[in-house]
Amino acid sequence: MGGRRARVDFVHSAEDKGVRQAMDHLVELRHCRIVHIDGGRGPGSADRRRSYRAAMRSHGLEAEVRVIPGEHTEQSGIETGRLLVAECDQGPLLSTAVLAGNDRCAWGLLMALTRAGPETPRDVSVVGYDDSHLSPLMPIGLTTVRQDARLMAEHAVRFAG
């Protein structure tokens, strides 16, 4: 069975670049306790997790690395929000910024934080990932990493043709 491997073209987003831009933005805002809500086995999650860790190292924040297991769901964001708020009972927010695995997770986080009291972005900054078509509809503006799905689809069709 050890024959040739098939050559396969594929199109994917530049996870490393997107995460690096989000992390640079948060560091420019003077955040150093930046947590990442992991997307579990969701698309792009492993690359985003790896890129988050690399960005924290490159900014000299390796000691502050914190990845919270999650999923690409609103419920995952809500649960993380509850966790972060519960930590507030012991003092100030342990994390001042969150890079969510995707926008859905970020929305859940924003809902949980809004209900519990910490104000975004005054107390904690939240960055999503996807630039979902629903992002502009949020009552709280969501900073998010944009993926150009239309351009990615055009490339995929071109490769397939």
C-alpha atoms as a PDB file:
ATOM      1  CA  MET A   1       0.000   0.000   0.000  1.00  0.00           C
ATOM      2  CA  GLY A   2       2.943   2.372   0.278  1.00  0.00           C
ATOM      3  CA  GLY A   3       2.293   3.953  -3.139  1.00  0.00           C
ATOM      4  CA  ARG A   4       2.074   7.579  -4.099  1.00  0.00           C
ATOM      5  CA  ARG A   5       0.229  10.052  -1.984  1.00  0.00           C
ATOM      6  CA  ALA A   6      -2.514  11.982  -3.717  1.00  0.00           C
ATOM      7  CA  ARG A   7      -1.902  15.689  -4.235  1.00  0.00           C
ATOM      8  CA  VAL A   8      -4.774  17.649  -2.770  1.00  0.00           C
ATOM      9  CA  ASP A   9      -5.308  21.398  -2.928  1.00  0.00           C
ATOM     10  CA  PHE A  10      -7.144  23.051  -0.081  1.00  0.00           C
ATOM     11  CA  VAL A  11      -8.082  26.534   1.012  1.00  0.00           C
ATOM     12  CA  HIS A  12      -8.022  27.655   4.621  1.00  0.00           C
ATOM     13  CA  SER A  13      -7.760  30.890   6.538  1.00  0.00           C
ATOM     14  CA  ALA A  14      -4.450  32.254   7.797  1.00  0.00           C
ATOM     15  CA  GLU A  15      -5.123  31.430  11.448  1.00  0.00           C
ATOM     16  CA  ASP A  16      -1.645  32.450  12.583  1.00  0.00           C
ATOM     17  CA  LYS A  17      -1.892  35.880  11.004  1.00  0.00           C
ATOM     18  CA  GLY A  18      -5.395  36.517  12.348  1.00  0.00           C
ATOM     19  CA  VAL A  19      -4.544  35.487  15.901  1.00  0.00           C
ATOM     20  CA  ARG A  20      -1.318  37.482  15.811  1.00  0.00           C
ATOM     21  CA  GLN A  21      -3.204  40.611  14.706  1.00  0.00           C
ATOM     22  CA  ALA A  22      -5.803  40.156  17.463  1.00  0.00           C
ATOM     23  CA  MET A  23      -3.133  39.608  20.089  1.00  0.00           C
ATOM     24  CA  ASP A  24      -1.078  42.581  18.896  1.00  0.00           C
ATOM     25  CA  HIS A  25      -4.228  44.710  19.187  1.00  0.00           C
ATOM     26  CA  LEU A  26      -4.878  43.557  22.763  1.00  0.00           C
ATOM     27  CA  VAL A  27      -1.259  44.124  23.800  1.00  0.00           C
ATOM     28  CA  GLU A  28      -1.362  47.611  22.227  1.00  0.00           C
ATOM     29  CA  LEU A  29      -4.347  48.268  24.521  1.00  0.00           C
ATOM     30  CA  ARG A  30      -1.976  47.335  27.398  1.00  0.00           C
ATOM     31  CA  HIS A  31      -3.522  43.968  28.207  1.00  0.00           C
ATOM     32  CA  CYS A  32      -1.164  41.349  29.587  1.00  0.00           C
ATOM     33  CA  ARG A  33      -3.567  38.858  31.197  1.00  0.00           C
ATOM     34  CA  ILE A  34      -5.156  37.583  27.999  1.00  0.00           C
ATOM     35  CA  VAL A  35      -7.035  34.305  28.133  1.00  0.00           C
ATOM     36  CA  HIS A  36      -7.976  32.170  25.124  1.00  0.00           C
ATOM     37  CA  ILE A  37     -11.223  30.209  24.980  1.00  0.00           C
ATOM     38  CA  ASP A  38     -10.326  27.157  22.973  1.00  0.00           C
ATOM     39  CA  GLY A  39     -12.613  25.877  20.250  1.00  0.00           C
ATOM     40  CA  GLY A  40     -12.035  22.216  21.108  1.00  0.00           C
ATOM     41  CA  ARG A  41     -12.020  20.167  17.927  1.00  0.00           C
ATOM     42  CA  GLY A  42     -13.726  22.904  15.917  1.00  0.00           C
ATOM     43  CA  PRO A  43     -12.308  24.143  12.606  1.00  0.00           C
ATOM     44  CA  GLY A  44      -9.087  26.100  13.054  1.00  0.00           C
ATOM     45  CA  SER A  45      -8.980  25.544  16.815  1.00  0.00           C
ATOM     46  CA  ALA A  46      -5.623  23.777  16.995  1.00  0.00           C
ATOM     47  CA  ASP A  47      -3.989  26.469  14.840  1.00  0.00           C
ATOM     48  CA  ARG A  48      -5.583  29.284  16.844  1.00  0.00           C
ATOM     49  CA  ARG A  49      -4.501  27.711  20.135  1.00  0.00           C
ATOM     50  CA  ARG A  50      -0.933  27.291  18.871  1.00  0.00           C
ATOM     51  CA  SER A  51      -0.885  30.847  17.505  1.00  0.00           C
ATOM     52  CA  TYR A  52      -2.216  32.273  20.783  1.00  0.00           C
ATOM     53  CA  ARG A  53       0.595  30.587  22.723  1.00  0.00           C
ATOM     54  CA  ALA A  54       3.183  31.808  20.197  1.00  0.00           C
ATOM     55  CA  ALA A  55       1.840  35.373  20.346  1.00  0.00           C
ATOM     56  CA  MET A  56       1.939  35.386  24.141  1.00  0.00           C
ATOM     57  CA  ARG A  57       5.568  34.181  24.013  1.00  0.00           C
ATOM     58  CA  SER A  58       6.521  36.802  21.424  1.00  0.00           C
ATOM     59  CA  HIS A  59       5.111  39.542  23.676  1.00  0.00           C
ATOM     60  CA  GLY A  60       6.985  38.221  26.710  1.00  0.00           C
ATOM     61  CA  LEU A  61       3.762  37.041  28.339  1.00  0.00           C
ATOM     62  CA  GLU A  62       4.469  33.314  28.457  1.00  0.00           C
ATOM     63  CA  ALA A  63       3.856  33.217  32.225  1.00  0.00           C
ATOM     64  CA  GLU A  64       0.329  34.566  31.617  1.00  0.00           C
ATOM     65  CA  VAL A  65      -0.734  31.923  29.049  1.00  0.00           C
ATOM     66  CA  ARG A  66      -4.150  30.540  29.923  1.00  0.00           C
ATOM     67  CA  VAL A  67      -6.237  28.381  27.606  1.00  0.00           C
ATOM     68  CA  ILE A  68      -9.740  27.577  28.812  1.00  0.00           C
ATOM     69  CA  PRO A  69     -11.219  24.477  27.163  1.00  0.00           C
ATOM     70  CA  GLY A  70     -14.332  25.297  25.184  1.00  0.00           C
ATOM     71  CA  GLU A  71     -16.224  24.898  21.943  1.00  0.00           C
ATOM     72  CA  HIS A  72     -17.434  27.119  19.134  1.00  0.00           C
ATOM     73  CA  THR A  73     -20.783  27.700  20.840  1.00  0.00           C
ATOM     74  CA  GLU A  74     -22.546  30.454  22.734  1.00  0.00           C
ATOM     75  CA  GLN A  75     -22.891  28.094  25.707  1.00  0.00           C
ATOM     76  CA  SER A  76     -19.121  27.715  25.898  1.00  0.00           C
ATOM     77  CA  GLY A  77     -18.772  31.496  26.077  1.00  0.00           C
ATOM     78  CA  ILE A  78     -21.461  31.719  28.756  1.00  0.00           C
ATOM     79  CA  GLU A  79     -19.720  29.069  30.854  1.00  0.00           C
ATOM     80  CA  THR A  80     -16.379  30.832  30.508  1.00  0.00           C
ATOM     81  CA  GLY A  81     -18.000  34.131  31.454  1.00  0.00           C
ATOM     82  CA  ARG A  82     -19.419  32.557  34.593  1.00  0.00           C
ATOM     83  CA  LEU A  83     -15.983  31.135  35.429  1.00  0.00           C
ATOM     84  CA  LEU A  84     -14.272  34.513  34.984  1.00  0.00           C
ATOM     85  CA  VAL A  85     -16.935  36.288  37.047  1.00  0.00           C
ATOM     86  CA  ALA A  86     -16.631  33.691  39.827  1.00  0.00           C
ATOM     87  CA  GLU A  87     -12.909  34.408  39.913  1.00  0.00           C
ATOM     88  CA  CYS A  88     -13.757  38.095  40.475  1.00  0.00           C
ATOM     89  CA  ASP A  89     -15.159  37.173  43.869  1.00  0.00           C
ATOM     90  CA  GLN A  90     -11.538  36.714  44.953  1.00  0.00           C
ATOM     91  CA  GLY A  91     -10.445  40.152  43.726  1.00  0.00           C
ATOM     92  CA  PRO A  92     -10.115  41.989  40.422  1.00  0.00           C
ATOM     93  CA  LEU A  93     -10.585  40.190  37.120  1.00  0.00           C
ATOM     94  CA  LEU A  94      -7.794  37.682  36.653  1.00  0.00           C
ATOM     95  CA  SER A  95      -8.026  38.190  32.900  1.00  0.00           C
ATOM     96  CA  THR A  96      -8.412  41.618  31.357  1.00  0.00           C
ATOM     97  CA  ALA A  97      -8.912  40.370  27.801  1.00  0.00           C
ATOM     98  CA  VAL A  98     -10.268  37.280  26.081  1.00  0.00           C
ATOM     99  CA  LEU A  99      -9.576  35.892  22.629  1.00  0.00           C
ATOM    100  CA  ALA A 100     -12.587  33.682  21.931  1.00  0.00           C
ATOM    101  CA  GLY A 101     -12.385  30.683  19.618  1.00  0.00           C
ATOM    102  CA  ASN A 102     -15.032  32.220  17.371  1.00  0.00           C
ATOM    103  CA  ASP A 103     -17.739  34.886  17.355  1.00  0.00           C
ATOM    104  CA  ARG A 104     -20.476  32.620  18.718  1.00  0.00           C
ATOM    105  CA  CYS A 105     -18.339  31.881  21.759  1.00  0.00           C
ATOM    106  CA  ALA A 106     -17.545  35.602  22.116  1.00  0.00           C
ATOM    107  CA  TRP A 107     -21.285  36.441  22.054  1.00  0.00           C
ATOM    108  CA  GLY A 108     -21.965  33.986  24.859  1.00  0.00           C
ATOM    109  CA  LEU A 109     -19.100  35.468  26.846  1.00  0.00           C
ATOM    110  CA  LEU A 110     -20.397  39.007  26.313  1.00  0.00           C
ATOM    111  CA  MET A 111     -23.896  37.964  27.421  1.00  0.00           C
ATOM    112  CA  ALA A 112     -22.560  36.359  30.605  1.00  0.00           C
ATOM    113  CA  LEU A 113     -20.346  39.326  31.440  1.00  0.00           C
ATOM    114  CA  THR A 114     -23.124  41.837  30.750  1.00  0.00           C
ATOM    115  CA  ARG A 115     -25.506  39.997  33.068  1.00  0.00           C
ATOM    116  CA  ALA A 116     -22.924  39.657  35.840  1.00  0.00           C
ATOM    117  CA  GLY A 117     -21.555  43.179  35.972  1.00  0.00           C
ATOM    118  CA  PRO A 118     -18.082  43.487  34.416  1.00  0.00           C
ATOM    119  CA  GLU A 119     -18.288  46.068  31.656  1.00  0.00           C
ATOM    120  CA  THR A 120     -16.852  45.500  28.219  1.00  0.00           C
ATOM    121  CA  PRO A 121     -14.566  46.927  27.133  1.00  0.00           C
ATOM    122  CA  ARG A 122     -13.851  48.937  30.306  1.00  0.00           C
ATOM    123  CA  ASP A 123     -13.200  45.929  32.583  1.00  0.00           C
ATOM    124  CA  VAL A 124     -12.477  43.242  30.016  1.00  0.00           C
ATOM    125  CA  SER A 125     -11.892  43.327  26.267  1.00  0.00           C
ATOM    126  CA  VAL A 126     -13.297  40.549  24.086  1.00  0.00           C
ATOM    127  CA  VAL A 127     -12.134  39.587  20.602  1.00  0.00           C
ATOM    128  CA  GLY A 128     -14.018  37.082  18.473  1.00  0.00           C
ATOM    129  CA  TYR A 129     -12.940  35.209  15.382  1.00  0.00           C
ATOM    130  CA  ASP A 130     -14.835  34.852  12.069  1.00  0.00           C
ATOM    131  CA  ASP A 131     -16.497  38.222  11.584  1.00  0.00           C
ATOM    132  CA  SER A 132     -19.808  36.422  11.421  1.00  0.00           C
ATOM    133  CA  HIS A 133     -22.612  38.181   9.571  1.00  0.00           C
ATOM    134  CA  LEU A 134     -24.310  38.613  12.953  1.00  0.00           C
ATOM    135  CA  SER A 135     -21.399  40.508  14.539  1.00  0.00           C
ATOM    136  CA  PRO A 136     -22.669  43.989  13.652  1.00  0.00           C
ATOM    137  CA  LEU A 137     -26.055  43.154  15.165  1.00  0.00           C
ATOM    138  CA  MET A 138     -24.706  42.726  18.681  1.00  0.00           C
ATOM    139  CA  PRO A 139     -25.759  45.466  21.107  1.00  0.00           C
ATOM    140  CA  ILE A 140     -22.137  45.598  22.257  1.00  0.00           C
ATOM    141  CA  GLY A 141     -19.666  46.095  19.402  1.00  0.00           C
ATOM    142  CA  LEU A 142     -17.616  42.958  18.896  1.00  0.00           C
ATOM    143  CA  THR A 143     -14.029  43.262  17.763  1.00  0.00           C
ATOM    144  CA  THR A 144     -13.415  40.229  15.591  1.00  0.00           C
ATOM    145  CA  VAL A 145     -10.898  38.724  13.193  1.00  0.00           C
ATOM    146  CA  ARG A 146     -12.355  38.837   9.698  1.00  0.00           C
ATOM    147  CA  GLN A 147     -12.255  35.787   7.469  1.00  0.00           C
ATOM    148  CA  ASP A 148     -13.240  36.480   3.894  1.00  0.00           C
ATOM    149  CA  ALA A 149     -15.469  33.472   3.217  1.00  0.00           C
ATOM    150  CA  ARG A 150     -16.378  34.692  -0.280  1.00  0.00           C
ATOM    151  CA  LEU A 151     -12.721  34.975  -1.315  1.00  0.00           C
ATOM    152  CA  MET A 152     -11.929  31.578   0.199  1.00  0.00           C
ATOM    153  CA  ALA A 153     -14.846  30.052  -1.758  1.00  0.00           C
ATOM    154  CA  GLU A 154     -13.622  31.667  -4.978  1.00  0.00           C
ATOM    155  CA  HIS A 155     -10.170  30.155  -4.453  1.00  0.00           C
ATOM    156  CA  ALA A 156     -11.683  26.747  -3.681  1.00  0.00           C
ATOM    157  CA  VAL A 157     -13.763  26.813  -6.883  1.00  0.00           C
ATOM    158  CA  ARG A 158     -10.722  27.870  -8.900  1.00  0.00           C
ATOM    159  CA  PHE A 159      -8.655  24.969  -7.489  1.00  0.00           C
ATOM    160  CA  ALA A 160     -11.468  22.488  -8.131  1.00  0.00           C
ATOM    161  CA  GLY A 161     -11.879  23.589 -11.766  1.00  0.00           C
END
